[in-house]
Amino acid sequence: MVRWWSGTGWSDVATPAGPGVSVQTSPVLAPPARPGTFVVPPPAPTGTGSRTPWLVGISLLVLVAVVGAALFLGRSDSETAVADPTATSGQLPPAGPTFAPGTIRIIDEVSGVSYPFLGDGWYEWALWDQEETTETAGQYFTTQELTPDGNTFISQCSSGPLADGYGWAGPSTLQSTLATVADSVRDNYYPGPNERTVLRDEARTVDGHAAHLYEFQLAWDVPGYDASGERAALLLIDVGRPAPALVYMSIPNTHAELYGAIDRVLDAVDVL
């Protein structure tokens, strides 16, 4: 769990540290040792004729021999016990395809855009095609394995060519088309009822191409969901093809420390 520094104070709420976040412990802020904590004293100096080193050495040899024999016998009973995944105490990351080592950008040839790979913990898109795009590429990670409606809740950064039926008729319709897409996303992927707060609704230029950005915050109070809200951003770009490219980012408030990744991606989108 992490807290975030605003420049004047720490956040009141602690949140889980998501992918790409490095958590460090400060020795200055570390709590003092509790009373009764055992501290191993330094070994006392011994004389040249003391038998203590010999006794300790012999004891260690006997201990090693006993432990080695126990391990050898234990392996004959169960070779797989050591590799039992249920024995791990921490939660393992969700399985999924990963990008090739050295990947720093995601290249979506189908929609005609590229954008940053967000790093360890993000998996290559291998889920469903979005309703709003004809094909889907990108990255994601799972934030809740099972929701009350039987689905998986994710954080995502995806892209694809816009599907038909959203009013696209050229660059002059970027804003109106994106408003329709935003309503579709809200209906398809989020629990309801929910409230929407628009953060940005603005024209943009992406790598010399006309585009429009629509960013919003959703809030809900639905039992069974780990998150009570999400921040999402939709970027529609006229890439000079029959269908514009849609870039869609969403991060639930359980991982609010990753909100900054939205601007990181939006500011670095390129048209192929």
C-alpha atoms as a PDB file:
ATOM      1  CA  MET A   1       0.000   0.000   0.000  1.00  0.00           C
ATOM      2  CA  VAL A   2       1.286   3.464  -0.861  1.00  0.00           C
ATOM      3  CA  ARG A   3       0.511   7.090  -0.075  1.00  0.00           C
ATOM      4  CA  TRP A   4       1.156   9.942  -2.471  1.00  0.00           C
ATOM      5  CA  TRP A   5       2.929  13.267  -1.894  1.00  0.00           C
ATOM      6  CA  SER A   6       1.116  16.299  -3.358  1.00  0.00           C
ATOM      7  CA  GLY A   7       3.962  18.715  -2.697  1.00  0.00           C
ATOM      8  CA  THR A   8       2.496  19.903   0.604  1.00  0.00           C
ATOM      9  CA  GLY A   9       1.267  16.737   2.328  1.00  0.00           C
ATOM     10  CA  TRP A  10       0.571  13.007   2.101  1.00  0.00           C
ATOM     11  CA  SER A  11      -2.718  11.576   0.816  1.00  0.00           C
ATOM     12  CA  ASP A  12      -5.252  10.500   3.442  1.00  0.00           C
ATOM     13  CA  VAL A  13      -5.996   7.236   1.658  1.00  0.00           C
ATOM     14  CA  ALA A  14      -3.512   4.454   0.950  1.00  0.00           C
ATOM     15  CA  THR A  15      -3.915   2.574  -2.343  1.00  0.00           C
ATOM     16  CA  PRO A  16      -2.334  -0.577  -3.791  1.00  0.00           C
ATOM     17  CA  ALA A  17       0.852   0.037  -5.760  1.00  0.00           C
ATOM     18  CA  GLY A  18       0.089  -0.771  -9.380  1.00  0.00           C
ATOM     19  CA  PRO A  19       2.359  -1.880 -12.229  1.00  0.00           C
ATOM     20  CA  GLY A  20       5.202   0.478 -13.006  1.00  0.00           C
ATOM     21  CA  VAL A  21       5.279   1.960  -9.492  1.00  0.00           C
ATOM     22  CA  SER A  22       8.500   1.597  -7.509  1.00  0.00           C
ATOM     23  CA  VAL A  23       7.909   1.507  -3.758  1.00  0.00           C
ATOM     24  CA  GLN A  24      10.798   2.317  -1.431  1.00  0.00           C
ATOM     25  CA  THR A  25      11.223   2.374   2.324  1.00  0.00           C
ATOM     26  CA  SER A  26      12.996   5.294   3.957  1.00  0.00           C
ATOM     27  CA  PRO A  27      15.326   4.407   6.842  1.00  0.00           C
ATOM     28  CA  VAL A  28      14.576   7.839   8.291  1.00  0.00           C
ATOM     29  CA  LEU A  29      10.853   7.063   8.465  1.00  0.00           C
ATOM     30  CA  ALA A  30      11.274   3.438   9.566  1.00  0.00           C
ATOM     31  CA  PRO A  31       9.649   2.770  12.960  1.00  0.00           C
ATOM     32  CA  PRO A  32      12.010   2.229  15.907  1.00  0.00           C
ATOM     33  CA  ALA A  33      12.593  -1.273  17.184  1.00  0.00           C
ATOM     34  CA  ARG A  34       9.879  -2.416  19.552  1.00  0.00           C
ATOM     35  CA  PRO A  35      10.807  -3.104  23.199  1.00  0.00           C
ATOM     36  CA  GLY A  36      11.956  -6.654  23.637  1.00  0.00           C
ATOM     37  CA  THR A  37      13.359  -6.952  20.115  1.00  0.00           C
ATOM     38  CA  PHE A  38      16.248  -9.411  20.193  1.00  0.00           C
ATOM     39  CA  VAL A  39      19.554  -8.123  18.856  1.00  0.00           C
ATOM     40  CA  VAL A  40      22.335 -10.606  18.192  1.00  0.00           C
ATOM     41  CA  PRO A  41      25.445  -9.460  20.127  1.00  0.00           C
ATOM     42  CA  PRO A  42      28.856  -9.520  18.437  1.00  0.00           C
ATOM     43  CA  PRO A  43      30.892 -12.653  19.135  1.00  0.00           C
ATOM     44  CA  ALA A  44      33.197 -12.441  22.144  1.00  0.00           C
ATOM     45  CA  PRO A  45      36.930 -12.695  21.408  1.00  0.00           C
ATOM     46  CA  THR A  46      38.446 -16.071  22.124  1.00  0.00           C
ATOM     47  CA  GLY A  47      41.948 -17.116  23.096  1.00  0.00           C
ATOM     48  CA  THR A  48      44.215 -19.143  20.856  1.00  0.00           C
ATOM     49  CA  GLY A  49      43.813 -22.218  23.020  1.00  0.00           C
ATOM     50  CA  SER A  50      40.011 -22.024  23.299  1.00  0.00           C
ATOM     51  CA  ARG A  51      38.011 -25.071  22.187  1.00  0.00           C
ATOM     52  CA  THR A  52      34.912 -22.994  21.369  1.00  0.00           C
ATOM     53  CA  PRO A  53      35.666 -22.550  17.597  1.00  0.00           C
ATOM     54  CA  TRP A  54      36.239 -26.297  17.245  1.00  0.00           C
ATOM     55  CA  LEU A  55      33.002 -27.126  19.023  1.00  0.00           C
ATOM     56  CA  VAL A  56      31.043 -24.655  16.889  1.00  0.00           C
ATOM     57  CA  GLY A  57      32.620 -26.012  13.699  1.00  0.00           C
ATOM     58  CA  ILE A  58      31.820 -29.623  14.578  1.00  0.00           C
ATOM     59  CA  SER A  59      28.247 -28.659  15.503  1.00  0.00           C
ATOM     60  CA  LEU A  60      27.758 -26.920  12.172  1.00  0.00           C
ATOM     61  CA  LEU A  61      29.058 -29.951  10.267  1.00  0.00           C
ATOM     62  CA  VAL A  62      26.632 -32.215  12.116  1.00  0.00           C
ATOM     63  CA  LEU A  63      23.763 -29.794  11.440  1.00  0.00           C
ATOM     64  CA  VAL A  64      24.569 -29.633   7.722  1.00  0.00           C
ATOM     65  CA  ALA A  65      24.710 -33.426   7.509  1.00  0.00           C
ATOM     66  CA  VAL A  66      21.342 -33.825   9.271  1.00  0.00           C
ATOM     67  CA  VAL A  67      19.644 -31.179   7.113  1.00  0.00           C
ATOM     68  CA  GLY A  68      21.112 -32.655   3.918  1.00  0.00           C
ATOM     69  CA  ALA A  69      19.852 -36.122   4.795  1.00  0.00           C
ATOM     70  CA  ALA A  70      16.397 -34.735   5.579  1.00  0.00           C
ATOM     71  CA  LEU A  71      16.230 -32.904   2.248  1.00  0.00           C
ATOM     72  CA  PHE A  72      17.351 -36.011   0.339  1.00  0.00           C
ATOM     73  CA  LEU A  73      14.721 -38.183   2.007  1.00  0.00           C
ATOM     74  CA  GLY A  74      12.049 -35.519   1.598  1.00  0.00           C
ATOM     75  CA  ARG A  75      12.609 -35.303  -2.164  1.00  0.00           C
ATOM     76  CA  SER A  76      11.941 -38.997  -2.562  1.00  0.00           C
ATOM     77  CA  ASP A  77       8.486 -38.515  -1.049  1.00  0.00           C
ATOM     78  CA  SER A  78       7.402 -35.510  -3.110  1.00  0.00           C
ATOM     79  CA  GLU A  79       9.349 -33.886  -5.924  1.00  0.00           C
ATOM     80  CA  THR A  80       6.619 -31.305  -6.543  1.00  0.00           C
ATOM     81  CA  ALA A  81       6.112 -30.053  -3.013  1.00  0.00           C
ATOM     82  CA  VAL A  82       8.689 -27.284  -3.362  1.00  0.00           C
ATOM     83  CA  ALA A  83       7.030 -25.951  -6.511  1.00  0.00           C
ATOM     84  CA  ASP A  84       3.523 -25.935  -5.071  1.00  0.00           C
ATOM     85  CA  PRO A  85       2.062 -22.558  -6.086  1.00  0.00           C
ATOM     86  CA  THR A  86      -0.401 -22.609  -3.203  1.00  0.00           C
ATOM     87  CA  ALA A  87       2.512 -22.282  -0.804  1.00  0.00           C
ATOM     88  CA  THR A  88       3.269 -18.716  -1.897  1.00  0.00           C
ATOM     89  CA  SER A  89       2.174 -16.029   0.506  1.00  0.00           C
ATOM     90  CA  GLY A  90       1.938 -13.157  -1.991  1.00  0.00           C
ATOM     91  CA  GLN A  91      -0.621 -12.683  -4.746  1.00  0.00           C
ATOM     92  CA  LEU A  92       0.773 -13.631  -8.154  1.00  0.00           C
ATOM     93  CA  PRO A  93       0.210 -11.311 -11.114  1.00  0.00           C
ATOM     94  CA  PRO A  94      -2.447 -12.369 -13.615  1.00  0.00           C
ATOM     95  CA  ALA A  95      -1.217 -14.567 -16.419  1.00  0.00           C
ATOM     96  CA  GLY A  96      -1.117 -13.169 -19.914  1.00  0.00           C
ATOM     97  CA  PRO A  97       1.060 -12.735 -22.989  1.00  0.00           C
ATOM     98  CA  THR A  98       3.963 -10.370 -22.510  1.00  0.00           C
ATOM     99  CA  PHE A  99       5.749  -8.124 -24.971  1.00  0.00           C
ATOM    100  CA  ALA A 100       9.154  -8.911 -26.433  1.00  0.00           C
ATOM    101  CA  PRO A 101      12.104  -7.776 -24.293  1.00  0.00           C
ATOM    102  CA  GLY A 102      13.107  -4.239 -25.122  1.00  0.00           C
ATOM    103  CA  THR A 103       9.630  -3.148 -26.232  1.00  0.00           C
ATOM    104  CA  ILE A 104       9.074   0.539 -25.562  1.00  0.00           C
ATOM    105  CA  ARG A 105       6.164   1.265 -27.918  1.00  0.00           C
ATOM    106  CA  ILE A 106       3.055  -0.567 -29.079  1.00  0.00           C
ATOM    107  CA  ILE A 107       2.653  -0.452 -32.855  1.00  0.00           C
ATOM    108  CA  ASP A 108      -0.953  -0.835 -33.977  1.00  0.00           C
ATOM    109  CA  GLU A 109      -0.627  -1.271 -37.735  1.00  0.00           C
ATOM    110  CA  VAL A 110      -4.342  -1.912 -38.213  1.00  0.00           C
ATOM    111  CA  SER A 111      -5.546   1.411 -36.816  1.00  0.00           C
ATOM    112  CA  GLY A 112      -2.421   3.353 -37.806  1.00  0.00           C
ATOM    113  CA  VAL A 113      -1.122   4.601 -34.441  1.00  0.00           C
ATOM    114  CA  SER A 114       1.592   3.841 -31.894  1.00  0.00           C
ATOM    115  CA  TYR A 115       1.957   4.751 -28.207  1.00  0.00           C
ATOM    116  CA  PRO A 116       4.183   3.919 -25.200  1.00  0.00           C
ATOM    117  CA  PHE A 117       4.344   0.492 -23.591  1.00  0.00           C
ATOM    118  CA  LEU A 118       3.733   1.172 -19.904  1.00  0.00           C
ATOM    119  CA  GLY A 119       6.169  -1.417 -18.559  1.00  0.00           C
ATOM    120  CA  ASP A 120       6.275  -4.462 -16.311  1.00  0.00           C
ATOM    121  CA  GLY A 121       2.893  -5.634 -15.067  1.00  0.00           C
ATOM    122  CA  TRP A 122       1.088  -4.679 -18.281  1.00  0.00           C
ATOM    123  CA  TYR A 123       0.191  -7.530 -20.615  1.00  0.00           C
ATOM    124  CA  GLU A 124      -0.299  -7.598 -24.357  1.00  0.00           C
ATOM    125  CA  TRP A 125      -3.972  -7.371 -25.301  1.00  0.00           C
ATOM    126  CA  ALA A 126      -5.395 -10.880 -25.727  1.00  0.00           C
ATOM    127  CA  LEU A 127      -8.969 -10.294 -24.595  1.00  0.00           C
ATOM    128  CA  TRP A 128     -12.177  -9.485 -26.410  1.00  0.00           C
ATOM    129  CA  ASP A 129     -12.534  -6.965 -29.247  1.00  0.00           C
ATOM    130  CA  GLN A 130     -14.051  -3.728 -27.996  1.00  0.00           C
ATOM    131  CA  GLU A 131     -17.588  -2.995 -29.191  1.00  0.00           C
ATOM    132  CA  GLU A 132     -16.399   0.364 -30.492  1.00  0.00           C
ATOM    133  CA  THR A 133     -13.523  -0.915 -32.657  1.00  0.00           C
ATOM    134  CA  THR A 134     -13.316  -3.472 -35.466  1.00  0.00           C
ATOM    135  CA  GLU A 135     -10.052  -4.859 -34.026  1.00  0.00           C
ATOM    136  CA  THR A 136      -8.279  -4.240 -30.732  1.00  0.00           C
ATOM    137  CA  ALA A 137      -4.606  -3.963 -29.806  1.00  0.00           C
ATOM    138  CA  GLY A 138      -2.871  -2.613 -26.716  1.00  0.00           C
ATOM    139  CA  GLN A 139      -2.086  -3.512 -23.118  1.00  0.00           C
ATOM    140  CA  TYR A 140      -3.954  -4.290 -19.909  1.00  0.00           C
ATOM    141  CA  PHE A 141      -3.757  -5.727 -16.412  1.00  0.00           C
ATOM    142  CA  THR A 142      -6.458  -7.301 -14.270  1.00  0.00           C
ATOM    143  CA  THR A 143      -7.711  -5.314 -11.275  1.00  0.00           C
ATOM    144  CA  GLN A 144     -10.513  -7.685 -10.194  1.00  0.00           C
ATOM    145  CA  GLU A 145     -10.700 -11.300 -11.316  1.00  0.00           C
ATOM    146  CA  LEU A 146     -14.464 -11.674 -10.907  1.00  0.00           C
ATOM    147  CA  THR A 147     -17.127  -8.972 -10.657  1.00  0.00           C
ATOM    148  CA  PRO A 148     -20.737  -9.513  -9.506  1.00  0.00           C
ATOM    149  CA  ASP A 149     -21.886  -9.833 -13.133  1.00  0.00           C
ATOM    150  CA  GLY A 150     -19.337 -12.583 -13.786  1.00  0.00           C
ATOM    151  CA  ASN A 151     -16.852 -10.498 -15.780  1.00  0.00           C
ATOM    152  CA  THR A 152     -13.247  -9.431 -15.248  1.00  0.00           C
ATOM    153  CA  PHE A 153     -12.434  -5.811 -14.381  1.00  0.00           C
ATOM    154  CA  ILE A 154      -9.288  -4.425 -16.007  1.00  0.00           C
ATOM    155  CA  SER A 155      -7.182  -1.367 -16.492  1.00  0.00           C
ATOM    156  CA  GLN A 156      -6.421  -0.873 -20.154  1.00  0.00           C
ATOM    157  CA  CYS A 157      -4.704   1.153 -22.836  1.00  0.00           C
ATOM    158  CA  SER A 158      -6.067  -0.057 -26.162  1.00  0.00           C
ATOM    159  CA  SER A 159      -6.580   1.078 -29.723  1.00  0.00           C
ATOM    160  CA  GLY A 160      -8.345   0.093 -32.914  1.00  0.00           C
ATOM    161  CA  PRO A 161     -10.180   1.370 -35.996  1.00  0.00           C
ATOM    162  CA  LEU A 162     -13.539   2.887 -35.091  1.00  0.00           C
ATOM    163  CA  ALA A 163     -16.475   0.629 -35.907  1.00  0.00           C
ATOM    164  CA  ASP A 164     -19.434   1.815 -37.971  1.00  0.00           C
ATOM    165  CA  GLY A 165     -22.515   3.305 -36.382  1.00  0.00           C
ATOM    166  CA  TYR A 166     -21.063   6.153 -34.313  1.00  0.00           C
ATOM    167  CA  GLY A 167     -21.655   9.004 -36.764  1.00  0.00           C
ATOM    168  CA  TRP A 168     -18.219   9.338 -38.354  1.00  0.00           C
ATOM    169  CA  ALA A 169     -18.372  11.486 -41.512  1.00  0.00           C
ATOM    170  CA  GLY A 170     -14.949  13.102 -41.589  1.00  0.00           C
ATOM    171  CA  PRO A 171     -12.837  15.421 -39.408  1.00  0.00           C
ATOM    172  CA  SER A 172     -15.719  17.852 -38.799  1.00  0.00           C
ATOM    173  CA  THR A 173     -17.549  15.120 -36.857  1.00  0.00           C
ATOM    174  CA  LEU A 174     -14.709  14.183 -34.500  1.00  0.00           C
ATOM    175  CA  GLN A 175     -16.339  15.725 -31.400  1.00  0.00           C
ATOM    176  CA  SER A 176     -19.871  14.460 -32.022  1.00  0.00           C
ATOM    177  CA  THR A 177     -18.631  10.985 -32.929  1.00  0.00           C
ATOM    178  CA  LEU A 178     -16.491  10.757 -29.810  1.00  0.00           C
ATOM    179  CA  ALA A 179     -19.413  11.832 -27.605  1.00  0.00           C
ATOM    180  CA  THR A 180     -21.402   8.888 -28.978  1.00  0.00           C
ATOM    181  CA  VAL A 181     -18.457   6.552 -28.406  1.00  0.00           C
ATOM    182  CA  ALA A 182     -18.119   7.770 -24.797  1.00  0.00           C
ATOM    183  CA  ASP A 183     -21.778   6.958 -24.123  1.00  0.00           C
ATOM    184  CA  SER A 184     -21.250   3.482 -25.590  1.00  0.00           C
ATOM    185  CA  VAL A 185     -18.184   2.837 -23.427  1.00  0.00           C
ATOM    186  CA  ARG A 186     -20.031   3.975 -20.325  1.00  0.00           C
ATOM    187  CA  ASP A 187     -22.951   1.629 -21.040  1.00  0.00           C
ATOM    188  CA  ASN A 188     -20.850  -1.383 -22.042  1.00  0.00           C
ATOM    189  CA  TYR A 189     -18.063  -1.588 -19.482  1.00  0.00           C
ATOM    190  CA  TYR A 190     -19.087   0.015 -16.194  1.00  0.00           C
ATOM    191  CA  PRO A 191     -21.484  -0.859 -13.386  1.00  0.00           C
ATOM    192  CA  GLY A 192     -24.568   1.282 -12.964  1.00  0.00           C
ATOM    193  CA  PRO A 193     -25.987   3.490 -11.889  1.00  0.00           C
ATOM    194  CA  ASN A 194     -22.972   5.770 -12.133  1.00  0.00           C
ATOM    195  CA  GLU A 195     -22.235   9.479 -12.289  1.00  0.00           C
ATOM    196  CA  ARG A 196     -19.987  11.028 -14.920  1.00  0.00           C
ATOM    197  CA  THR A 197     -17.821  14.106 -14.511  1.00  0.00           C
ATOM    198  CA  VAL A 198     -16.269  15.426 -17.713  1.00  0.00           C
ATOM    199  CA  LEU A 199     -12.640  16.441 -17.195  1.00  0.00           C
ATOM    200  CA  ARG A 200     -11.633  17.382 -20.751  1.00  0.00           C
ATOM    201  CA  ASP A 201     -13.555  17.737 -24.006  1.00  0.00           C
ATOM    202  CA  GLU A 202     -11.164  19.381 -26.429  1.00  0.00           C
ATOM    203  CA  ALA A 203      -9.848  19.406 -29.964  1.00  0.00           C
ATOM    204  CA  ARG A 204      -6.256  18.244 -30.403  1.00  0.00           C
ATOM    205  CA  THR A 205      -3.600  17.732 -33.021  1.00  0.00           C
ATOM    206  CA  VAL A 206      -1.814  14.384 -32.897  1.00  0.00           C
ATOM    207  CA  ASP A 207       1.343  14.133 -34.972  1.00  0.00           C
ATOM    208  CA  GLY A 208      -0.102  16.695 -37.386  1.00  0.00           C
ATOM    209  CA  HIS A 209      -3.527  15.003 -37.603  1.00  0.00           C
ATOM    210  CA  ALA A 210      -6.855  16.376 -36.362  1.00  0.00           C
ATOM    211  CA  ALA A 211      -8.113  14.645 -33.217  1.00  0.00           C
ATOM    212  CA  HIS A 212     -10.454  15.079 -30.278  1.00  0.00           C
ATOM    213  CA  LEU A 213     -10.022  14.120 -26.610  1.00  0.00           C
ATOM    214  CA  TYR A 214     -12.805  13.245 -24.191  1.00  0.00           C
ATOM    215  CA  GLU A 215     -11.731  12.437 -20.623  1.00  0.00           C
ATOM    216  CA  PHE A 216     -14.138  11.693 -17.794  1.00  0.00           C
ATOM    217  CA  GLN A 217     -14.405  10.336 -14.257  1.00  0.00           C
ATOM    218  CA  LEU A 218     -17.096   7.817 -13.325  1.00  0.00           C
ATOM    219  CA  ALA A 219     -18.304   7.127  -9.782  1.00  0.00           C
ATOM    220  CA  TRP A 220     -20.584   4.352  -8.554  1.00  0.00           C
ATOM    221  CA  ASP A 221     -21.660   2.619  -5.375  1.00  0.00           C
ATOM    222  CA  VAL A 222     -22.275  -0.984  -6.409  1.00  0.00           C
ATOM    223  CA  PRO A 223     -21.669  -3.868  -3.955  1.00  0.00           C
ATOM    224  CA  GLY A 224     -19.127  -6.452  -5.029  1.00  0.00           C
ATOM    225  CA  TYR A 225     -16.818  -4.131  -6.954  1.00  0.00           C
ATOM    226  CA  ASP A 226     -13.362  -3.394  -5.588  1.00  0.00           C
ATOM    227  CA  ALA A 227     -13.391  -0.011  -7.351  1.00  0.00           C
ATOM    228  CA  SER A 228     -15.935   2.732  -6.734  1.00  0.00           C
ATOM    229  CA  GLY A 229     -14.947   4.733  -9.784  1.00  0.00           C
ATOM    230  CA  GLU A 230     -12.685   5.008 -12.783  1.00  0.00           C
ATOM    231  CA  ARG A 231     -10.923   7.619 -14.879  1.00  0.00           C
ATOM    232  CA  ALA A 232     -11.117   7.105 -18.626  1.00  0.00           C
ATOM    233  CA  ALA A 233      -9.837   8.949 -21.680  1.00  0.00           C
ATOM    234  CA  LEU A 234     -10.909   8.524 -25.301  1.00  0.00           C
ATOM    235  CA  LEU A 235      -8.820   9.951 -28.130  1.00  0.00           C
ATOM    236  CA  LEU A 236     -10.224   9.855 -31.670  1.00  0.00           C
ATOM    237  CA  ILE A 237      -7.730  10.597 -34.452  1.00  0.00           C
ATOM    238  CA  ASP A 238      -8.304  11.197 -38.155  1.00  0.00           C
ATOM    239  CA  VAL A 239      -5.398   9.095 -39.452  1.00  0.00           C
ATOM    240  CA  GLY A 240      -6.282   9.574 -43.131  1.00  0.00           C
ATOM    241  CA  ARG A 241      -7.926   6.159 -43.445  1.00  0.00           C
ATOM    242  CA  PRO A 242     -11.591   5.216 -43.945  1.00  0.00           C
ATOM    243  CA  ALA A 243     -11.956   4.771 -40.173  1.00  0.00           C
ATOM    244  CA  PRO A 244     -10.404   7.026 -37.517  1.00  0.00           C
ATOM    245  CA  ALA A 245      -8.242   5.471 -34.802  1.00  0.00           C
ATOM    246  CA  LEU A 246      -9.662   5.235 -31.279  1.00  0.00           C
ATOM    247  CA  VAL A 247      -7.259   5.157 -28.315  1.00  0.00           C
ATOM    248  CA  TYR A 248      -8.974   4.208 -25.040  1.00  0.00           C
ATOM    249  CA  MET A 249      -7.412   4.375 -21.573  1.00  0.00           C
ATOM    250  CA  SER A 250      -9.135   3.407 -18.336  1.00  0.00           C
ATOM    251  CA  ILE A 251      -7.773   3.152 -14.791  1.00  0.00           C
ATOM    252  CA  PRO A 252      -9.987   2.308 -11.773  1.00  0.00           C
ATOM    253  CA  ASN A 253      -9.544   4.281  -8.564  1.00  0.00           C
ATOM    254  CA  THR A 254      -8.064   1.219  -6.845  1.00  0.00           C
ATOM    255  CA  HIS A 255      -4.953   2.145  -8.863  1.00  0.00           C
ATOM    256  CA  ALA A 256      -5.256   5.916  -8.783  1.00  0.00           C
ATOM    257  CA  GLU A 257      -1.479   6.207  -8.572  1.00  0.00           C
ATOM    258  CA  LEU A 258      -1.456   5.354 -12.297  1.00  0.00           C
ATOM    259  CA  TYR A 259      -3.655   8.270 -13.409  1.00  0.00           C
ATOM    260  CA  GLY A 260      -0.513  10.033 -14.616  1.00  0.00           C
ATOM    261  CA  ALA A 261      -0.054   7.314 -17.247  1.00  0.00           C
ATOM    262  CA  ILE A 262      -3.025   8.770 -19.119  1.00  0.00           C
ATOM    263  CA  ASP A 263      -1.190  11.970 -20.046  1.00  0.00           C
ATOM    264  CA  ARG A 264       1.990  10.018 -20.651  1.00  0.00           C
ATOM    265  CA  VAL A 265       0.231   8.033 -23.374  1.00  0.00           C
ATOM    266  CA  LEU A 266      -1.884  10.858 -24.802  1.00  0.00           C
ATOM    267  CA  ASP A 267       1.129  13.135 -25.208  1.00  0.00           C
ATOM    268  CA  ALA A 268       3.148  10.435 -26.987  1.00  0.00           C
ATOM    269  CA  VAL A 269       0.687   8.992 -29.533  1.00  0.00           C
ATOM    270  CA  ASP A 270       2.093   8.950 -33.067  1.00  0.00           C
ATOM    271  CA  VAL A 271       0.364   8.336 -36.388  1.00  0.00           C
ATOM    272  CA  LEU A 272       2.072   5.678 -38.518  1.00  0.00           C
END
